[in-house]
């Protein structure tokens, strides 16, 4: 399975239980595979999984790292999550960095 959009769709199906038995771990694995292939949305989904403990142990630091990777690839959702600097979620609280990132995405 090499099509990144297809991999995301399979992950979404596992996460939602559409056409397959709901399996959050398998969803995470497919999101991770798409992220490893460079898919920006998959990268953001991996961050979401880590932040919320979907198919993987909750880890806000790893979530932040994946959100940062997606933001660096131009993903607006990833950029939005970098505002977590403001709240200190998964990263040391830094209001100045939050301001700079929000001002200059």
PDB file of N, CA and C in Angstrom:
ATOM      1  N   UNK A   1       0.864  -1.174   0.000  1.00  0.00           N
ATOM      2  CA  UNK A   1       0.000   0.000   0.000  1.00  0.00           C
ATOM      3  C   UNK A   1       0.905   1.229   0.000  1.00  0.00           C
ATOM      4  N   UNK A   2       1.016   1.909  -1.125  1.00  0.00           N
ATOM      5  CA  UNK A   2       1.936   3.013  -1.232  1.00  0.00           C
ATOM      6  C   UNK A   2       1.300   4.372  -1.407  1.00  0.00           C
ATOM      7  N   UNK A   3      -0.001   4.446  -1.649  1.00  0.00           N
ATOM      8  CA  UNK A   3      -0.683   5.715  -1.848  1.00  0.00           C
ATOM      9  C   UNK A   3      -0.965   6.359  -0.491  1.00  0.00           C
ATOM     10  N   UNK A   4      -0.380   7.533  -0.259  1.00  0.00           N
ATOM     11  CA  UNK A   4      -0.509   8.165   1.054  1.00  0.00           C
ATOM     12  C   UNK A   4      -1.953   8.505   1.410  1.00  0.00           C
ATOM     13  N   UNK A   5      -2.723   9.024   0.459  1.00  0.00           N
ATOM     14  CA  UNK A   5      -4.128   9.349   0.735  1.00  0.00           C
ATOM     15  C   UNK A   5      -4.907   8.076   1.073  1.00  0.00           C
ATOM     16  N   UNK A   6      -4.575   6.989   0.396  1.00  0.00           N
ATOM     17  CA  UNK A   6      -5.219   5.710   0.680  1.00  0.00           C
ATOM     18  C   UNK A   6      -4.894   5.216   2.076  1.00  0.00           C
ATOM     19  N   UNK A   7      -3.659   5.418   2.488  1.00  0.00           N
ATOM     20  CA  UNK A   7      -3.238   4.999   3.827  1.00  0.00           C
ATOM     21  C   UNK A   7      -4.013   5.792   4.887  1.00  0.00           C
ATOM     22  N   UNK A   8      -4.170   7.083   4.661  1.00  0.00           N
ATOM     23  CA  UNK A   8      -4.954   7.920   5.581  1.00  0.00           C
ATOM     24  C   UNK A   8      -6.396   7.427   5.638  1.00  0.00           C
ATOM     25  N   UNK A   9      -6.959   7.097   4.478  1.00  0.00           N
ATOM     26  CA  UNK A   9      -8.340   6.609   4.445  1.00  0.00           C
ATOM     27  C   UNK A   9      -8.496   5.306   5.216  1.00  0.00           C
ATOM     28  N   UNK A  10      -7.537   4.402   5.081  1.00  0.00           N
ATOM     29  CA  UNK A  10      -7.580   3.140   5.830  1.00  0.00           C
ATOM     30  C   UNK A  10      -7.508   3.446   7.330  1.00  0.00           C
ATOM     31  N   UNK A  11      -6.620   4.345   7.715  1.00  0.00           N
ATOM     32  CA  UNK A  11      -6.498   4.722   9.133  1.00  0.00           C
ATOM     33  C   UNK A  11      -7.811   5.288   9.659  1.00  0.00           C
ATOM     34  N   UNK A  12      -8.429   6.165   8.869  1.00  0.00           N
ATOM     35  CA  UNK A  12      -9.706   6.754   9.277  1.00  0.00           C
ATOM     36  C   UNK A  12     -10.779   5.686   9.444  1.00  0.00           C
ATOM     37  N   UNK A  13     -10.780   4.706   8.551  1.00  0.00           N
ATOM     38  CA  UNK A  13     -11.753   3.611   8.650  1.00  0.00           C
ATOM     39  C   UNK A  13     -11.552   2.813   9.937  1.00  0.00           C
ATOM     40  N   UNK A  14     -10.316   2.502  10.259  1.00  0.00           N
ATOM     41  CA  UNK A  14     -10.041   1.776  11.503  1.00  0.00           C
ATOM     42  C   UNK A  14     -10.419   2.619  12.726  1.00  0.00           C
ATOM     43  N   UNK A  15     -10.132   3.903  12.674  1.00  0.00           N
ATOM     44  CA  UNK A  15     -10.427   4.752  13.829  1.00  0.00           C
ATOM     45  C   UNK A  15     -11.936   4.886  14.048  1.00  0.00           C
ATOM     46  N   UNK A  16     -12.691   4.952  12.948  1.00  0.00           N
ATOM     47  CA  UNK A  16     -14.133   5.161  13.043  1.00  0.00           C
ATOM     48  C   UNK A  16     -14.950   3.884  12.992  1.00  0.00           C
ATOM     49  N   UNK A  17     -14.332   2.781  12.587  1.00  0.00           N
ATOM     50  CA  UNK A  17     -15.071   1.530  12.449  1.00  0.00           C
ATOM     51  C   UNK A  17     -15.930   1.489  11.210  1.00  0.00           C
ATOM     52  N   UNK A  18     -15.490   2.169  10.162  1.00  0.00           N
ATOM     53  CA  UNK A  18     -16.227   2.203   8.899  1.00  0.00           C
ATOM     54  C   UNK A  18     -15.652   1.140   7.972  1.00  0.00           C
ATOM     55  N   UNK A  19     -16.443   0.102   7.700  1.00  0.00           N
ATOM     56  CA  UNK A  19     -16.012  -0.957   6.799  1.00  0.00           C
ATOM     57  C   UNK A  19     -15.012  -1.928   7.407  1.00  0.00           C
ATOM     58  N   UNK A  20     -14.651  -1.689   8.644  1.00  0.00           N
ATOM     59  CA  UNK A  20     -13.697  -2.546   9.359  1.00  0.00           C
ATOM     60  C   UNK A  20     -14.015  -2.431  10.842  1.00  0.00           C
ATOM     61  N   UNK A  21     -13.614  -3.442  11.582  1.00  0.00           N
ATOM     62  CA  UNK A  21     -13.811  -3.363  13.026  1.00  0.00           C
ATOM     63  C   UNK A  21     -12.970  -2.217  13.576  1.00  0.00           C
ATOM     64  N   UNK A  22     -13.557  -1.443  14.467  1.00  0.00           N
ATOM     65  CA  UNK A  22     -12.854  -0.310  15.064  1.00  0.00           C
ATOM     66  C   UNK A  22     -11.594  -0.805  15.765  1.00  0.00           C
ATOM     67  N   UNK A  23     -10.462  -0.199  15.405  1.00  0.00           N
ATOM     68  CA  UNK A  23      -9.183  -0.605  15.990  1.00  0.00           C
ATOM     69  C   UNK A  23      -8.275   0.627  16.013  1.00  0.00           C
ATOM     70  N   UNK A  24      -8.236   1.285  17.142  1.00  0.00           N
ATOM     71  CA  UNK A  24      -7.472   2.529  17.256  1.00  0.00           C
ATOM     72  C   UNK A  24      -5.973   2.313  17.111  1.00  0.00           C
ATOM     73  N   UNK A  25      -5.487   1.152  17.545  1.00  0.00           N
ATOM     74  CA  UNK A  25      -4.064   0.855  17.380  1.00  0.00           C
ATOM     75  C   UNK A  25      -3.713   0.755  15.897  1.00  0.00           C
ATOM     76  N   UNK A  26      -4.520   0.024  15.121  1.00  0.00           N
ATOM     77  CA  UNK A  26      -4.254  -0.081  13.684  1.00  0.00           C
ATOM     78  C   UNK A  26      -4.359   1.287  13.022  1.00  0.00           C
ATOM     79  N   UNK A  27      -5.305   2.100  13.467  1.00  0.00           N
ATOM     80  CA  UNK A  27      -5.432   3.458  12.924  1.00  0.00           C
ATOM     81  C   UNK A  27      -4.132   4.222  13.148  1.00  0.00           C
ATOM     82  N   UNK A  28      -3.621   4.148  14.370  1.00  0.00           N
ATOM     83  CA  UNK A  28      -2.372   4.837  14.684  1.00  0.00           C
ATOM     84  C   UNK A  28      -1.235   4.352  13.789  1.00  0.00           C
ATOM     85  N   UNK A  29      -1.133   3.043  13.612  1.00  0.00           N
ATOM     86  CA  UNK A  29      -0.059   2.470  12.790  1.00  0.00           C
ATOM     87  C   UNK A  29      -0.135   3.014  11.358  1.00  0.00           C
ATOM     88  N   UNK A  30      -1.332   3.090  10.799  1.00  0.00           N
ATOM     89  CA  UNK A  30      -1.467   3.612   9.434  1.00  0.00           C
ATOM     90  C   UNK A  30      -1.187   5.111   9.376  1.00  0.00           C
ATOM     91  N   UNK A  31      -1.623   5.868  10.383  1.00  0.00           N
ATOM     92  CA  UNK A  31      -1.282   7.291  10.415  1.00  0.00           C
ATOM     93  C   UNK A  31       0.236   7.458  10.486  1.00  0.00           C
ATOM     94  N   UNK A  32       0.869   6.641  11.325  1.00  0.00           N
ATOM     95  CA  UNK A  32       2.319   6.720  11.473  1.00  0.00           C
ATOM     96  C   UNK A  32       3.030   6.373  10.159  1.00  0.00           C
ATOM     97  N   UNK A  33       2.518   5.362   9.472  1.00  0.00           N
ATOM     98  CA  UNK A  33       3.114   4.980   8.191  1.00  0.00           C
ATOM     99  C   UNK A  33       3.030   6.141   7.190  1.00  0.00           C
ATOM    100  N   UNK A  34       1.878   6.811   7.150  1.00  0.00           N
ATOM    101  CA  UNK A  34       1.749   7.942   6.223  1.00  0.00           C
ATOM    102  C   UNK A  34       2.681   9.081   6.619  1.00  0.00           C
ATOM    103  N   UNK A  35       2.861   9.291   7.915  1.00  0.00           N
ATOM    104  CA  UNK A  35       3.780  10.334   8.385  1.00  0.00           C
ATOM    105  C   UNK A  35       5.209  10.007   7.968  1.00  0.00           C
ATOM    106  N   UNK A  36       5.580   8.737   8.101  1.00  0.00           N
ATOM    107  CA  UNK A  36       6.930   8.317   7.698  1.00  0.00           C
ATOM    108  C   UNK A  36       7.153   8.515   6.206  1.00  0.00           C
ATOM    109  N   UNK A  37       6.076   8.479   5.431  1.00  0.00           N
ATOM    110  CA  UNK A  37       6.171   8.695   3.986  1.00  0.00           C
ATOM    111  C   UNK A  37       6.149  10.184   3.632  1.00  0.00           C
ATOM    112  N   UNK A  38       6.006  11.042   4.666  1.00  0.00           N
ATOM    113  CA  UNK A  38       6.048  12.477   4.438  1.00  0.00           C
ATOM    114  C   UNK A  38       4.708  13.147   4.255  1.00  0.00           C
ATOM    115  N   UNK A  39       3.619  12.442   4.521  1.00  0.00           N
ATOM    116  CA  UNK A  39       2.283  13.015   4.356  1.00  0.00           C
ATOM    117  C   UNK A  39       1.994  13.969   5.506  1.00  0.00           C
ATOM    118  N   UNK A  40       1.747  15.228   5.186  1.00  0.00           N
ATOM    119  CA  UNK A  40       1.577  16.264   6.201  1.00  0.00           C
ATOM    120  C   UNK A  40       0.347  16.007   7.075  1.00  0.00           C
ATOM    121  N   UNK A  41      -0.752  15.571   6.492  1.00  0.00           N
ATOM    122  CA  UNK A  41      -1.960  15.323   7.276  1.00  0.00           C
ATOM    123  C   UNK A  41      -1.746  14.117   8.196  1.00  0.00           C
ATOM    124  N   UNK A  42      -1.075  13.095   7.690  1.00  0.00           N
ATOM    125  CA  UNK A  42      -0.757  11.936   8.514  1.00  0.00           C
ATOM    126  C   UNK A  42       0.120  12.322   9.690  1.00  0.00           C
ATOM    127  N   UNK A  43       1.059  13.231   9.448  1.00  0.00           N
ATOM    128  CA  UNK A  43       1.942  13.704  10.510  1.00  0.00           C
ATOM    129  C   UNK A  43       1.122  14.391  11.598  1.00  0.00           C
ATOM    130  N   UNK A  44       0.173  15.216  11.193  1.00  0.00           N
ATOM    131  CA  UNK A  44      -0.689  15.893  12.155  1.00  0.00           C
ATOM    132  C   UNK A  44      -1.559  14.890  12.913  1.00  0.00           C
ATOM    133  N   UNK A  45      -2.069  13.875  12.209  1.00  0.00           N
ATOM    134  CA  UNK A  45      -2.882  12.848  12.869  1.00  0.00           C
ATOM    135  C   UNK A  45      -2.075  12.087  13.923  1.00  0.00           C
ATOM    136  N   UNK A  46      -0.814  11.816  13.646  1.00  0.00           N
ATOM    137  CA  UNK A  46       0.023  11.126  14.634  1.00  0.00           C
ATOM    138  C   UNK A  46       0.119  11.993  15.895  1.00  0.00           C
ATOM    139  N   UNK A  47       0.311  13.283  15.706  1.00  0.00           N
ATOM    140  CA  UNK A  47       0.323  14.193  16.853  1.00  0.00           C
ATOM    141  C   UNK A  47      -0.982  14.136  17.620  1.00  0.00           C
ATOM    142  N   UNK A  48      -2.090  14.110  16.889  1.00  0.00           N
ATOM    143  CA  UNK A  48      -3.418  14.028  17.506  1.00  0.00           C
ATOM    144  C   UNK A  48      -3.558  12.734  18.310  1.00  0.00           C
ATOM    145  N   UNK A  49      -3.079  11.635  17.749  1.00  0.00           N
ATOM    146  CA  UNK A  49      -3.140  10.350  18.454  1.00  0.00           C
ATOM    147  C   UNK A  49      -2.336  10.398  19.750  1.00  0.00           C
ATOM    148  N   UNK A  50      -1.126  10.950  19.676  1.00  0.00           N
ATOM    149  CA  UNK A  50      -0.310  11.049  20.885  1.00  0.00           C
ATOM    150  C   UNK A  50      -0.951  11.985  21.911  1.00  0.00           C
ATOM    151  N   UNK A  51      -1.509  13.076  21.477  1.00  0.00           N
ATOM    152  CA  UNK A  51      -2.100  14.032  22.407  1.00  0.00           C
ATOM    153  C   UNK A  51      -3.313  13.443  23.124  1.00  0.00           C
ATOM    154  N   UNK A  52      -4.066  12.599  22.424  1.00  0.00           N
ATOM    155  CA  UNK A  52      -5.317  12.077  22.978  1.00  0.00           C
ATOM    156  C   UNK A  52      -5.269  10.598  23.363  1.00  0.00           C
ATOM    157  N   UNK A  53      -4.121   9.966  23.197  1.00  0.00           N
ATOM    158  CA  UNK A  53      -4.003   8.555  23.555  1.00  0.00           C
ATOM    159  C   UNK A  53      -4.834   7.642  22.667  1.00  0.00           C
ATOM    160  N   UNK A  54      -4.857   7.926  21.371  1.00  0.00           N
ATOM    161  CA  UNK A  54      -5.626   7.122  20.422  1.00  0.00           C
ATOM    162  C   UNK A  54      -4.712   6.064  19.817  1.00  0.00           C
ATOM    163  N   UNK A  55      -4.880   4.832  20.263  1.00  0.00           N
ATOM    164  CA  UNK A  55      -4.091   3.726  19.739  1.00  0.00           C
ATOM    165  C   UNK A  55      -2.658   3.681  20.222  1.00  0.00           C
ATOM    166  N   UNK A  56      -2.318   4.593  21.099  1.00  0.00           N
ATOM    167  CA  UNK A  56      -0.953   4.715  21.619  1.00  0.00           C
ATOM    168  C   UNK A  56      -1.050   5.395  22.985  1.00  0.00           C
ATOM    169  N   UNK A  57      -0.041   5.173  23.810  1.00  0.00           N
ATOM    170  CA  UNK A  57      -0.045   5.827  25.116  1.00  0.00           C
ATOM    171  C   UNK A  57       0.041   7.339  24.932  1.00  0.00           C
ATOM    172  N   UNK A  58      -0.743   8.061  25.692  1.00  0.00           N
ATOM    173  CA  UNK A  58      -0.760   9.517  25.618  1.00  0.00           C
ATOM    174  C   UNK A  58       0.626  10.078  25.933  1.00  0.00           C
ATOM    175  N   UNK A  59       1.106  10.964  25.064  1.00  0.00           N
ATOM    176  CA  UNK A  59       2.438  11.551  25.244  1.00  0.00           C
ATOM    177  C   UNK A  59       2.427  12.936  24.606  1.00  0.00           C
ATOM    178  N   UNK A  60       2.222  13.958  25.418  1.00  0.00           N
ATOM    179  CA  UNK A  60       2.091  15.316  24.895  1.00  0.00           C
ATOM    180  C   UNK A  60       3.373  15.848  24.272  1.00  0.00           C
ATOM    181  N   UNK A  61       4.527  15.383  24.753  1.00  0.00           N
ATOM    182  CA  UNK A  61       5.789  15.822  24.145  1.00  0.00           C
ATOM    183  C   UNK A  61       5.912  15.288  22.721  1.00  0.00           C
ATOM    184  N   UNK A  62       5.586  14.014  22.515  1.00  0.00           N
ATOM    185  CA  UNK A  62       5.626  13.453  21.158  1.00  0.00           C
ATOM    186  C   UNK A  62       4.579  14.121  20.284  1.00  0.00           C
ATOM    187  N   UNK A  63       3.409  14.408  20.864  1.00  0.00           N
ATOM    188  CA  UNK A  63       2.360  15.096  20.108  1.00  0.00           C
ATOM    189  C   UNK A  63       2.893  16.422  19.584  1.00  0.00           C
ATOM    190  N   UNK A  64       3.542  17.179  20.451  1.00  0.00           N
ATOM    191  CA  UNK A  64       4.068  18.478  20.050  1.00  0.00           C
ATOM    192  C   UNK A  64       5.086  18.342  18.934  1.00  0.00           C
ATOM    193  N   UNK A  65       5.942  17.327  19.022  1.00  0.00           N
ATOM    194  CA  UNK A  65       6.967  17.106  17.989  1.00  0.00           C
ATOM    195  C   UNK A  65       6.302  16.865  16.631  1.00  0.00           C
ATOM    196  N   UNK A  66       5.261  16.036  16.609  1.00  0.00           N
ATOM    197  CA  UNK A  66       4.582  15.761  15.337  1.00  0.00           C
ATOM    198  C   UNK A  66       3.820  16.975  14.837  1.00  0.00           C
ATOM    199  N   UNK A  67       3.219  17.743  15.735  1.00  0.00           N
ATOM    200  CA  UNK A  67       2.555  18.977  15.312  1.00  0.00           C
ATOM    201  C   UNK A  67       3.574  19.945  14.718  1.00  0.00           C
ATOM    202  N   UNK A  68       4.753  19.992  15.322  1.00  0.00           N
ATOM    203  CA  UNK A  68       5.805  20.870  14.813  1.00  0.00           C
ATOM    204  C   UNK A  68       6.243  20.434  13.412  1.00  0.00           C
ATOM    205  N   UNK A  69       6.381  19.127  13.217  1.00  0.00           N
ATOM    206  CA  UNK A  69       6.758  18.608  11.896  1.00  0.00           C
ATOM    207  C   UNK A  69       5.707  18.964  10.855  1.00  0.00           C
ATOM    208  N   UNK A  70       4.435  18.831  11.216  1.00  0.00           N
ATOM    209  CA  UNK A  70       3.388  19.148  10.239  1.00  0.00           C
ATOM    210  C   UNK A  70       3.352  20.647   9.956  1.00  0.00           C
ATOM    211  N   UNK A  71       3.588  21.456  10.972  1.00  0.00           N
ATOM    212  CA  UNK A  71       3.620  22.910  10.774  1.00  0.00           C
ATOM    213  C   UNK A  71       4.764  23.300   9.846  1.00  0.00           C
ATOM    214  N   UNK A  72       5.910  22.646  10.017  1.00  0.00           N
ATOM    215  CA  UNK A  72       7.065  22.938   9.157  1.00  0.00           C
ATOM    216  C   UNK A  72       6.774  22.598   7.707  1.00  0.00           C
ATOM    217  N   UNK A  73       5.829  21.689   7.474  1.00  0.00           N
ATOM    218  CA  UNK A  73       5.439  21.319   6.107  1.00  0.00           C
ATOM    219  C   UNK A  73       4.286  22.186   5.607  1.00  0.00           C
ATOM    220  N   UNK A  74       3.885  23.187   6.404  1.00  0.00           N
ATOM    221  CA  UNK A  74       2.861  24.127   5.972  1.00  0.00           C
ATOM    222  C   UNK A  74       1.444  23.799   6.396  1.00  0.00           C
ATOM    223  N   UNK A  75       1.266  22.822   7.276  1.00  0.00           N
ATOM    224  CA  UNK A  75      -0.071  22.429   7.715  1.00  0.00           C
ATOM    225  C   UNK A  75      -0.614  23.436   8.731  1.00  0.00           C
ATOM    226  N   UNK A  76      -1.750  24.035   8.412  1.00  0.00           N
ATOM    227  CA  UNK A  76      -2.323  25.057   9.290  1.00  0.00           C
ATOM    228  C   UNK A  76      -2.750  24.478  10.638  1.00  0.00           C
ATOM    229  N   UNK A  77      -3.224  23.229  10.654  1.00  0.00           N
ATOM    230  CA  UNK A  77      -3.606  22.618  11.929  1.00  0.00           C
ATOM    231  C   UNK A  77      -2.375  22.410  12.808  1.00  0.00           C
ATOM    232  N   UNK A  78      -1.281  22.002  12.190  1.00  0.00           N
ATOM    233  CA  UNK A  78      -0.034  21.856  12.937  1.00  0.00           C
ATOM    234  C   UNK A  78       0.420  23.192  13.488  1.00  0.00           C
ATOM    235  N   UNK A  79       0.304  24.240  12.668  1.00  0.00           N
ATOM    236  CA  UNK A  79       0.687  25.579  13.127  1.00  0.00           C
ATOM    237  C   UNK A  79      -0.174  26.008  14.309  1.00  0.00           C
ATOM    238  N   UNK A  80      -1.463  25.704  14.223  1.00  0.00           N
ATOM    239  CA  UNK A  80      -2.368  26.054  15.306  1.00  0.00           C
ATOM    240  C   UNK A  80      -1.954  25.357  16.600  1.00  0.00           C
ATOM    241  N   UNK A  81      -1.561  24.104  16.501  1.00  0.00           N
ATOM    242  CA  UNK A  81      -1.151  23.364  17.693  1.00  0.00           C
ATOM    243  C   UNK A  81       0.149  23.906  18.278  1.00  0.00           C
ATOM    244  N   UNK A  82       0.960  24.572  17.480  1.00  0.00           N
ATOM    245  CA  UNK A  82       2.188  25.148  18.026  1.00  0.00           C
ATOM    246  C   UNK A  82       1.867  26.261  19.015  1.00  0.00           C
ATOM    247  N   UNK A  83       0.650  26.747  18.950  1.00  0.00           N
ATOM    248  CA  UNK A  83       0.196  27.697  19.962  1.00  0.00           C
ATOM    249  C   UNK A  83       0.175  27.073  21.347  1.00  0.00           C
ATOM    250  N   UNK A  84       0.388  25.742  21.418  1.00  0.00           N
ATOM    251  CA  UNK A  84       0.453  25.070  22.712  1.00  0.00           C
ATOM    252  C   UNK A  84       1.607  25.598  23.560  1.00  0.00           C
ATOM    253  N   UNK A  85       2.539  26.313  22.927  1.00  0.00           N
ATOM    254  CA  UNK A  85       3.588  26.980  23.699  1.00  0.00           C
ATOM    255  C   UNK A  85       2.921  27.890  24.743  1.00  0.00           C
ATOM    256  N   UNK A  86       1.795  28.482  24.365  1.00  0.00           N
ATOM    257  CA  UNK A  86       1.094  29.403  25.247  1.00  0.00           C
ATOM    258  C   UNK A  86       0.605  28.700  26.512  1.00  0.00           C
ATOM    259  N   UNK A  87       0.184  27.451  26.367  1.00  0.00           N
ATOM    260  CA  UNK A  87      -0.363  26.709  27.502  1.00  0.00           C
ATOM    261  C   UNK A  87       0.640  25.744  28.127  1.00  0.00           C
ATOM    262  N   UNK A  88       1.788  25.564  27.487  1.00  0.00           N
ATOM    263  CA  UNK A  88       2.786  24.638  28.011  1.00  0.00           C
ATOM    264  C   UNK A  88       2.358  23.186  27.877  1.00  0.00           C
ATOM    265  N   UNK A  89       1.651  22.854  26.791  1.00  0.00           N
ATOM    266  CA  UNK A  89       1.194  21.485  26.561  1.00  0.00           C
ATOM    267  C   UNK A  89       2.234  20.762  25.720  1.00  0.00           C
ATOM    268  N   UNK A  90       2.917  19.807  26.328  1.00  0.00           N
ATOM    269  CA  UNK A  90       3.922  19.023  25.622  1.00  0.00           C
ATOM    270  C   UNK A  90       5.244  19.739  25.419  1.00  0.00           C
ATOM    271  N   UNK A  91       5.326  20.944  25.919  1.00  0.00           N
ATOM    272  CA  UNK A  91       6.522  21.767  25.749  1.00  0.00           C
ATOM    273  C   UNK A  91       6.530  22.790  26.883  1.00  0.00           C
ATOM    274  N   UNK A  92       7.690  23.279  27.209  1.00  0.00           N
ATOM    275  CA  UNK A  92       7.759  24.300  28.262  1.00  0.00           C
ATOM    276  C   UNK A  92       6.990  25.539  27.824  1.00  0.00           C
ATOM    277  N   UNK A  93       6.204  26.086  28.724  1.00  0.00           N
ATOM    278  CA  UNK A  93       5.395  27.268  28.421  1.00  0.00           C
ATOM    279  C   UNK A  93       6.301  28.427  28.019  1.00  0.00           C
ATOM    280  N   UNK A  94       5.976  29.040  26.879  1.00  0.00           N
ATOM    281  CA  UNK A  94       6.768  30.162  26.385  1.00  0.00           C
ATOM    282  C   UNK A  94       5.827  31.085  25.618  1.00  0.00           C
ATOM    283  N   UNK A  95       5.304  32.082  26.304  1.00  0.00           N
ATOM    284  CA  UNK A  95       4.321  32.984  25.702  1.00  0.00           C
ATOM    285  C   UNK A  95       4.912  33.772  24.545  1.00  0.00           C
ATOM    286  N   UNK A  96       6.190  34.110  24.632  1.00  0.00           N
ATOM    287  CA  UNK A  96       6.831  34.869  23.546  1.00  0.00           C
ATOM    288  C   UNK A  96       6.874  34.025  22.264  1.00  0.00           C
ATOM    289  N   UNK A  97       7.300  32.744  22.381  1.00  0.00           N
ATOM    290  CA  UNK A  97       7.329  31.867  21.204  1.00  0.00           C
ATOM    291  C   UNK A  97       5.934  31.665  20.646  1.00  0.00           C
ATOM    292  N   UNK A  98       4.952  31.509  21.514  1.00  0.00           N
ATOM    293  CA  UNK A  98       3.569  31.347  21.060  1.00  0.00           C
ATOM    294  C   UNK A  98       3.143  32.568  20.251  1.00  0.00           C
ATOM    295  N   UNK A  99       3.504  33.752  20.727  1.00  0.00           N
ATOM    296  CA  UNK A  99       3.171  34.985  20.023  1.00  0.00           C
ATOM    297  C   UNK A  99       3.849  35.045  18.659  1.00  0.00           C
ATOM    298  N   UNK A 100       5.143  34.729  18.613  1.00  0.00           N
ATOM    299  CA  UNK A 100       5.903  34.783  17.358  1.00  0.00           C
ATOM    300  C   UNK A 100       5.337  33.799  16.346  1.00  0.00           C
ATOM    301  N   UNK A 101       5.050  32.572  16.795  1.00  0.00           N
ATOM    302  CA  UNK A 101       4.521  31.545  15.885  1.00  0.00           C
ATOM    303  C   UNK A 101       3.148  31.949  15.373  1.00  0.00           C
ATOM    304  N   UNK A 102       2.317  32.461  16.262  1.00  0.00           N
ATOM    305  CA  UNK A 102       0.970  32.855  15.865  1.00  0.00           C
ATOM    306  C   UNK A 102       1.010  34.060  14.929  1.00  0.00           C
ATOM    307  N   UNK A 103       1.926  34.959  15.176  1.00  0.00           N
ATOM    308  CA  UNK A 103       2.045  36.167  14.356  1.00  0.00           C
ATOM    309  C   UNK A 103       2.635  35.864  12.982  1.00  0.00           C
ATOM    310  N   UNK A 104       3.602  34.936  12.928  1.00  0.00           N
ATOM    311  CA  UNK A 104       4.321  34.624  11.695  1.00  0.00           C
ATOM    312  C   UNK A 104       4.270  33.132  11.391  1.00  0.00           C
ATOM    313  N   UNK A 105       3.104  32.610  11.005  1.00  0.00           N
ATOM    314  CA  UNK A 105       3.012  31.155  10.742  1.00  0.00           C
ATOM    315  C   UNK A 105       3.823  30.733   9.546  1.00  0.00           C
TER     316      UNK A 105
END
